[in-house]
Amino acid sequence: MSAIRIYGIKNCDTMKKAMNWLGDNGVDYEFVDYKKAGVAEANLPDWAARAGWEKLLNTRGLMWKKLTDDERAGVDEQKALKLMAQYPALIKRPVLDTGSKLMVGFTPDTYAAQLK
């Protein structure tokens, strides 16, 4: 299996749960902090094509609430990708890329079904 990459922000609770699950289940992975590495913008078109921009855009987080009404209005794929590139915290975490599969968000059941 190719190297699994998990993208997110290090101090996010969901990220910690996902990385703990991977470690506990013997899954080797590489962690990429997309805020520090600046990889979000380059990967967003691919992620949106594979998972759907609606799934990637976190509209329940604090960053979404901080946006202006104009920024939140009329969001389509192009606007969503631009917002997520500008504010990486808007990307739902974690984004796990196995090479063949892309998983957005974390639930133990989904990881168990997809990674074992």
N, C-alpha and C. Protein backbone atom coordinates (compact mmCIF):
# COMPACT_ATOMS: atom_id res chain seq x y z
N MET A 1 0.86 -1.20 0.00
CA MET A 1 0.00 0.00 0.00
C MET A 1 0.89 1.24 0.00
N SER A 2 0.47 2.21 -0.77
CA SER A 2 1.27 3.45 -0.82
C SER A 2 1.15 4.20 0.50
N ALA A 3 2.04 5.15 0.67
CA ALA A 3 2.07 5.91 1.92
C ALA A 3 0.77 6.68 2.11
N ILE A 4 0.20 6.56 3.28
CA ILE A 4 -1.02 7.28 3.62
C ILE A 4 -0.63 8.63 4.18
N ARG A 5 -1.29 9.66 3.68
CA ARG A 5 -1.06 11.00 4.20
C ARG A 5 -2.34 11.48 4.87
N ILE A 6 -2.18 12.08 6.03
CA ILE A 6 -3.31 12.67 6.72
C ILE A 6 -3.03 14.16 6.85
N TYR A 7 -3.95 14.94 6.33
CA TYR A 7 -3.80 16.39 6.30
C TYR A 7 -4.73 17.01 7.34
N GLY A 8 -4.22 18.04 8.01
CA GLY A 8 -5.04 18.74 8.98
C GLY A 8 -4.20 19.73 9.77
N ILE A 9 -4.71 20.03 10.95
CA ILE A 9 -4.07 20.97 11.86
C ILE A 9 -3.75 20.21 13.14
N LYS A 10 -2.51 20.32 13.60
CA LYS A 10 -2.01 19.48 14.68
C LYS A 10 -2.84 19.53 15.97
N ASN A 11 -3.30 20.71 16.37
CA ASN A 11 -3.98 20.80 17.67
C ASN A 11 -5.49 20.61 17.60
N CYS A 12 -5.98 20.06 16.50
CA CYS A 12 -7.40 19.79 16.34
C CYS A 12 -7.76 18.46 17.02
N ASP A 13 -8.82 18.45 17.83
CA ASP A 13 -9.21 17.24 18.55
C ASP A 13 -9.55 16.08 17.61
N THR A 14 -10.25 16.37 16.53
CA THR A 14 -10.60 15.31 15.57
C THR A 14 -9.35 14.72 14.94
N MET A 15 -8.37 15.58 14.66
CA MET A 15 -7.10 15.10 14.11
C MET A 15 -6.44 14.14 15.10
N LYS A 16 -6.41 14.53 16.37
CA LYS A 16 -5.79 13.69 17.39
C LYS A 16 -6.47 12.33 17.46
N LYS A 17 -7.81 12.32 17.41
CA LYS A 17 -8.55 11.05 17.44
C LYS A 17 -8.19 10.19 16.24
N ALA A 18 -8.14 10.81 15.07
CA ALA A 18 -7.82 10.06 13.85
C ALA A 18 -6.41 9.49 13.90
N MET A 19 -5.45 10.32 14.32
CA MET A 19 -4.06 9.84 14.39
C MET A 19 -3.89 8.78 15.46
N ASN A 20 -4.60 8.91 16.57
CA ASN A 20 -4.56 7.86 17.60
C ASN A 20 -5.12 6.55 17.04
N TRP A 21 -6.22 6.64 16.30
CA TRP A 21 -6.83 5.45 15.71
C TRP A 21 -5.83 4.78 14.76
N LEU A 22 -5.21 5.57 13.90
CA LEU A 22 -4.24 5.02 12.94
C LEU A 22 -3.09 4.33 13.68
N GLY A 23 -2.56 5.00 14.71
CA GLY A 23 -1.47 4.43 15.49
C GLY A 23 -1.88 3.16 16.20
N ASP A 24 -3.06 3.18 16.84
CA ASP A 24 -3.56 2.02 17.57
C ASP A 24 -3.83 0.82 16.66
N ASN A 25 -4.09 1.10 15.38
CA ASN A 25 -4.42 0.04 14.44
C ASN A 25 -3.26 -0.30 13.50
N GLY A 26 -2.08 0.19 13.85
CA GLY A 26 -0.88 -0.17 13.11
C GLY A 26 -0.84 0.35 11.68
N VAL A 27 -1.49 1.47 11.42
CA VAL A 27 -1.50 2.04 10.08
C VAL A 27 -0.41 3.12 10.01
N ASP A 28 0.57 2.90 9.13
CA ASP A 28 1.63 3.89 8.94
C ASP A 28 1.07 5.07 8.17
N TYR A 29 1.44 6.27 8.59
CA TYR A 29 0.94 7.46 7.91
C TYR A 29 1.94 8.60 8.05
N GLU A 30 1.76 9.58 7.19
CA GLU A 30 2.55 10.81 7.26
C GLU A 30 1.56 11.93 7.56
N PHE A 31 1.85 12.72 8.60
CA PHE A 31 1.00 13.85 8.94
C PHE A 31 1.49 15.10 8.21
N VAL A 32 0.57 15.82 7.59
CA VAL A 32 0.89 17.07 6.91
C VAL A 32 0.00 18.16 7.48
N ASP A 33 0.62 19.14 8.12
CA ASP A 33 -0.12 20.29 8.64
C ASP A 33 -0.34 21.25 7.49
N TYR A 34 -1.56 21.30 6.99
CA TYR A 34 -1.77 22.09 5.78
C TYR A 34 -1.76 23.59 6.02
N LYS A 35 -1.79 24.01 7.26
CA LYS A 35 -1.62 25.44 7.54
C LYS A 35 -0.15 25.82 7.39
N LYS A 36 0.73 24.99 7.97
CA LYS A 36 2.17 25.27 7.93
C LYS A 36 2.78 24.94 6.58
N ALA A 37 2.39 23.82 6.01
CA ALA A 37 3.01 23.37 4.76
C ALA A 37 2.49 24.14 3.55
N GLY A 38 1.35 24.79 3.70
CA GLY A 38 0.79 25.55 2.60
C GLY A 38 0.38 24.69 1.42
N VAL A 39 -0.04 23.47 1.70
CA VAL A 39 -0.39 22.54 0.63
C VAL A 39 -1.87 22.57 0.27
N ALA A 40 -2.67 23.23 1.06
CA ALA A 40 -4.11 23.18 0.85
C ALA A 40 -4.51 23.64 -0.54
N GLU A 41 -4.03 24.80 -0.95
CA GLU A 41 -4.45 25.36 -2.23
C GLU A 41 -4.10 24.44 -3.40
N ALA A 42 -2.89 23.87 -3.37
CA ALA A 42 -2.45 22.98 -4.45
C ALA A 42 -3.28 21.70 -4.51
N ASN A 43 -3.73 21.21 -3.36
CA ASN A 43 -4.47 19.95 -3.31
C ASN A 43 -5.98 20.11 -3.45
N LEU A 44 -6.50 21.30 -3.23
CA LEU A 44 -7.95 21.48 -3.21
C LEU A 44 -8.67 21.03 -4.48
N PRO A 45 -8.18 21.37 -5.67
CA PRO A 45 -8.91 20.91 -6.87
C PRO A 45 -9.02 19.38 -6.95
N ASP A 46 -7.93 18.69 -6.61
CA ASP A 46 -7.93 17.23 -6.61
C ASP A 46 -8.89 16.69 -5.54
N TRP A 47 -8.80 17.24 -4.33
CA TRP A 47 -9.68 16.79 -3.26
C TRP A 47 -11.15 17.02 -3.60
N ALA A 48 -11.46 18.17 -4.17
CA ALA A 48 -12.84 18.49 -4.54
C ALA A 48 -13.34 17.52 -5.62
N ALA A 49 -12.46 17.19 -6.56
CA ALA A 49 -12.85 16.25 -7.63
C ALA A 49 -13.10 14.86 -7.06
N ARG A 50 -12.33 14.47 -6.05
CA ARG A 50 -12.43 13.12 -5.49
C ARG A 50 -13.48 12.99 -4.40
N ALA A 51 -13.70 14.05 -3.61
CA ALA A 51 -14.62 13.94 -2.47
C ALA A 51 -15.83 14.85 -2.59
N GLY A 52 -15.74 15.88 -3.43
CA GLY A 52 -16.82 16.86 -3.52
C GLY A 52 -16.53 18.05 -2.63
N TRP A 53 -16.64 19.25 -3.18
CA TRP A 53 -16.32 20.45 -2.40
C TRP A 53 -17.27 20.62 -1.22
N GLU A 54 -18.52 20.16 -1.36
CA GLU A 54 -19.49 20.30 -0.27
C GLU A 54 -19.03 19.52 0.96
N LYS A 55 -18.39 18.37 0.72
CA LYS A 55 -17.90 17.55 1.83
C LYS A 55 -16.67 18.18 2.47
N LEU A 56 -15.85 18.84 1.66
CA LEU A 56 -14.62 19.46 2.16
C LEU A 56 -14.87 20.72 2.98
N LEU A 57 -15.89 21.49 2.60
CA LEU A 57 -16.13 22.79 3.23
C LEU A 57 -16.79 22.60 4.60
N ASN A 58 -16.11 23.03 5.63
CA ASN A 58 -16.63 22.90 7.00
C ASN A 58 -17.45 24.14 7.34
N THR A 59 -18.77 23.98 7.27
CA THR A 59 -19.68 25.10 7.55
C THR A 59 -20.15 25.09 9.00
N ARG A 60 -19.60 24.19 9.80
CA ARG A 60 -20.01 24.10 11.21
C ARG A 60 -18.95 24.64 12.18
N GLY A 61 -17.80 24.98 11.64
CA GLY A 61 -16.70 25.42 12.49
C GLY A 61 -16.70 26.91 12.77
N LEU A 62 -15.82 27.30 13.66
CA LEU A 62 -15.67 28.69 14.08
C LEU A 62 -15.27 29.59 12.92
N MET A 63 -14.39 29.11 12.04
CA MET A 63 -13.93 29.93 10.93
C MET A 63 -15.09 30.34 10.03
N TRP A 64 -16.02 29.42 9.77
CA TRP A 64 -17.18 29.72 8.94
C TRP A 64 -18.01 30.84 9.57
N LYS A 65 -18.18 30.77 10.87
CA LYS A 65 -18.97 31.79 11.58
C LYS A 65 -18.28 33.16 11.55
N LYS A 66 -16.96 33.16 11.42
CA LYS A 66 -16.21 34.42 11.38
C LYS A 66 -16.27 35.10 10.02
N LEU A 67 -16.66 34.36 8.99
CA LEU A 67 -16.73 34.95 7.66
C LEU A 67 -17.82 36.02 7.60
N THR A 68 -17.68 36.94 6.67
CA THR A 68 -18.72 37.96 6.48
C THR A 68 -19.92 37.32 5.79
N ASP A 69 -21.07 37.99 5.88
CA ASP A 69 -22.26 37.49 5.19
C ASP A 69 -22.01 37.36 3.69
N ASP A 70 -21.27 38.33 3.13
CA ASP A 70 -20.95 38.28 1.70
C ASP A 70 -20.10 37.05 1.36
N GLU A 71 -19.14 36.73 2.23
CA GLU A 71 -18.29 35.57 1.98
C GLU A 71 -19.10 34.27 2.03
N ARG A 72 -20.09 34.22 2.92
CA ARG A 72 -20.89 33.00 3.07
C ARG A 72 -22.00 32.90 2.03
N ALA A 73 -22.33 33.98 1.37
CA ALA A 73 -23.46 33.99 0.43
C ALA A 73 -23.09 33.37 -0.91
N GLY A 74 -24.04 32.61 -1.46
CA GLY A 74 -23.89 32.07 -2.81
C GLY A 74 -22.65 31.24 -3.04
N VAL A 75 -22.34 30.37 -2.12
CA VAL A 75 -21.12 29.56 -2.26
C VAL A 75 -21.34 28.46 -3.29
N ASP A 76 -20.50 28.47 -4.31
CA ASP A 76 -20.45 27.39 -5.29
C ASP A 76 -19.05 26.79 -5.21
N GLU A 77 -18.75 25.86 -6.10
CA GLU A 77 -17.45 25.19 -6.01
C GLU A 77 -16.28 26.17 -6.13
N GLN A 78 -16.35 27.07 -7.09
CA GLN A 78 -15.25 28.02 -7.29
C GLN A 78 -15.04 28.90 -6.06
N LYS A 79 -16.13 29.41 -5.50
CA LYS A 79 -16.02 30.27 -4.32
C LYS A 79 -15.55 29.47 -3.11
N ALA A 80 -16.05 28.25 -2.97
CA ALA A 80 -15.66 27.40 -1.85
C ALA A 80 -14.16 27.10 -1.88
N LEU A 81 -13.64 26.77 -3.07
CA LEU A 81 -12.21 26.46 -3.20
C LEU A 81 -11.37 27.69 -2.88
N LYS A 82 -11.82 28.85 -3.32
CA LYS A 82 -11.11 30.09 -3.05
C LYS A 82 -11.10 30.39 -1.54
N LEU A 83 -12.25 30.21 -0.89
CA LEU A 83 -12.33 30.44 0.56
C LEU A 83 -11.45 29.46 1.33
N MET A 84 -11.47 28.18 0.94
CA MET A 84 -10.66 27.18 1.65
C MET A 84 -9.17 27.42 1.43
N ALA A 85 -8.79 27.92 0.26
CA ALA A 85 -7.39 28.25 0.01
C ALA A 85 -6.97 29.44 0.88
N GLN A 86 -7.87 30.40 1.02
CA GLN A 86 -7.58 31.60 1.80
C GLN A 86 -7.60 31.30 3.30
N TYR A 87 -8.54 30.45 3.72
CA TYR A 87 -8.71 30.10 5.13
C TYR A 87 -8.69 28.57 5.27
N PRO A 88 -7.50 27.97 5.38
CA PRO A 88 -7.43 26.50 5.45
C PRO A 88 -8.25 25.89 6.60
N ALA A 89 -8.55 26.66 7.64
CA ALA A 89 -9.37 26.13 8.74
C ALA A 89 -10.78 25.79 8.27
N LEU A 90 -11.18 26.24 7.09
CA LEU A 90 -12.50 25.91 6.54
C LEU A 90 -12.54 24.50 5.95
N ILE A 91 -11.38 23.85 5.82
CA ILE A 91 -11.35 22.50 5.28
C ILE A 91 -11.68 21.53 6.40
N LYS A 92 -12.69 20.70 6.17
CA LYS A 92 -13.08 19.71 7.17
C LYS A 92 -11.90 18.79 7.43
N ARG A 93 -11.67 18.47 8.68
CA ARG A 93 -10.52 17.66 9.06
C ARG A 93 -10.97 16.32 9.64
N PRO A 94 -10.08 15.37 9.52
CA PRO A 94 -8.89 15.32 8.68
C PRO A 94 -9.24 14.97 7.24
N VAL A 95 -8.28 15.20 6.36
CA VAL A 95 -8.35 14.70 4.99
C VAL A 95 -7.30 13.60 4.91
N LEU A 96 -7.74 12.39 4.67
CA LEU A 96 -6.83 11.24 4.63
C LEU A 96 -6.77 10.73 3.20
N ASP A 97 -5.57 10.68 2.65
CA ASP A 97 -5.36 10.27 1.27
C ASP A 97 -4.53 9.00 1.24
N THR A 98 -5.13 7.91 0.75
CA THR A 98 -4.40 6.64 0.63
C THR A 98 -3.76 6.50 -0.74
N GLY A 99 -4.01 7.45 -1.61
CA GLY A 99 -3.56 7.33 -3.00
C GLY A 99 -4.73 6.92 -3.88
N SER A 100 -5.47 5.90 -3.44
CA SER A 100 -6.63 5.45 -4.21
C SER A 100 -7.94 5.99 -3.62
N LYS A 101 -7.94 6.26 -2.32
CA LYS A 101 -9.14 6.75 -1.65
C LYS A 101 -8.85 8.06 -0.95
N LEU A 102 -9.89 8.88 -0.85
CA LEU A 102 -9.79 10.13 -0.10
C LEU A 102 -10.94 10.15 0.90
N MET A 103 -10.61 10.26 2.17
CA MET A 103 -11.63 10.31 3.22
C MET A 103 -11.57 11.67 3.90
N VAL A 104 -12.74 12.25 4.11
CA VAL A 104 -12.83 13.56 4.74
C VAL A 104 -13.61 13.41 6.02
N GLY A 105 -13.05 13.92 7.12
CA GLY A 105 -13.67 13.74 8.43
C GLY A 105 -13.19 12.43 9.03
N PHE A 106 -13.60 12.16 10.26
CA PHE A 106 -13.15 10.94 10.93
C PHE A 106 -14.29 10.29 11.69
N THR A 107 -14.49 9.01 11.41
CA THR A 107 -15.27 8.14 12.30
C THR A 107 -14.50 6.82 12.34
N PRO A 108 -14.40 6.22 13.53
CA PRO A 108 -13.68 4.95 13.62
C PRO A 108 -14.23 3.89 12.67
N ASP A 109 -15.56 3.83 12.51
CA ASP A 109 -16.16 2.82 11.64
C ASP A 109 -15.72 2.98 10.18
N THR A 110 -15.70 4.23 9.72
CA THR A 110 -15.29 4.48 8.33
C THR A 110 -13.83 4.11 8.13
N TYR A 111 -12.98 4.51 9.06
CA TYR A 111 -11.56 4.16 8.94
C TYR A 111 -11.38 2.64 8.96
N ALA A 112 -12.08 1.97 9.86
CA ALA A 112 -11.96 0.51 9.96
C ALA A 112 -12.40 -0.15 8.65
N ALA A 113 -13.48 0.32 8.07
CA ALA A 113 -14.00 -0.27 6.83
C ALA A 113 -13.07 0.00 5.65
N GLN A 114 -12.49 1.17 5.60
CA GLN A 114 -11.70 1.57 4.43
C GLN A 114 -10.21 1.18 4.52
N LEU A 115 -9.69 1.02 5.73
CA LEU A 115 -8.24 0.84 5.88
C LEU A 115 -7.81 -0.55 6.30
N LYS A 116 -8.74 -1.42 6.62
CA LYS A 116 -8.32 -2.74 7.07
C LYS A 116 -8.47 -3.78 5.99
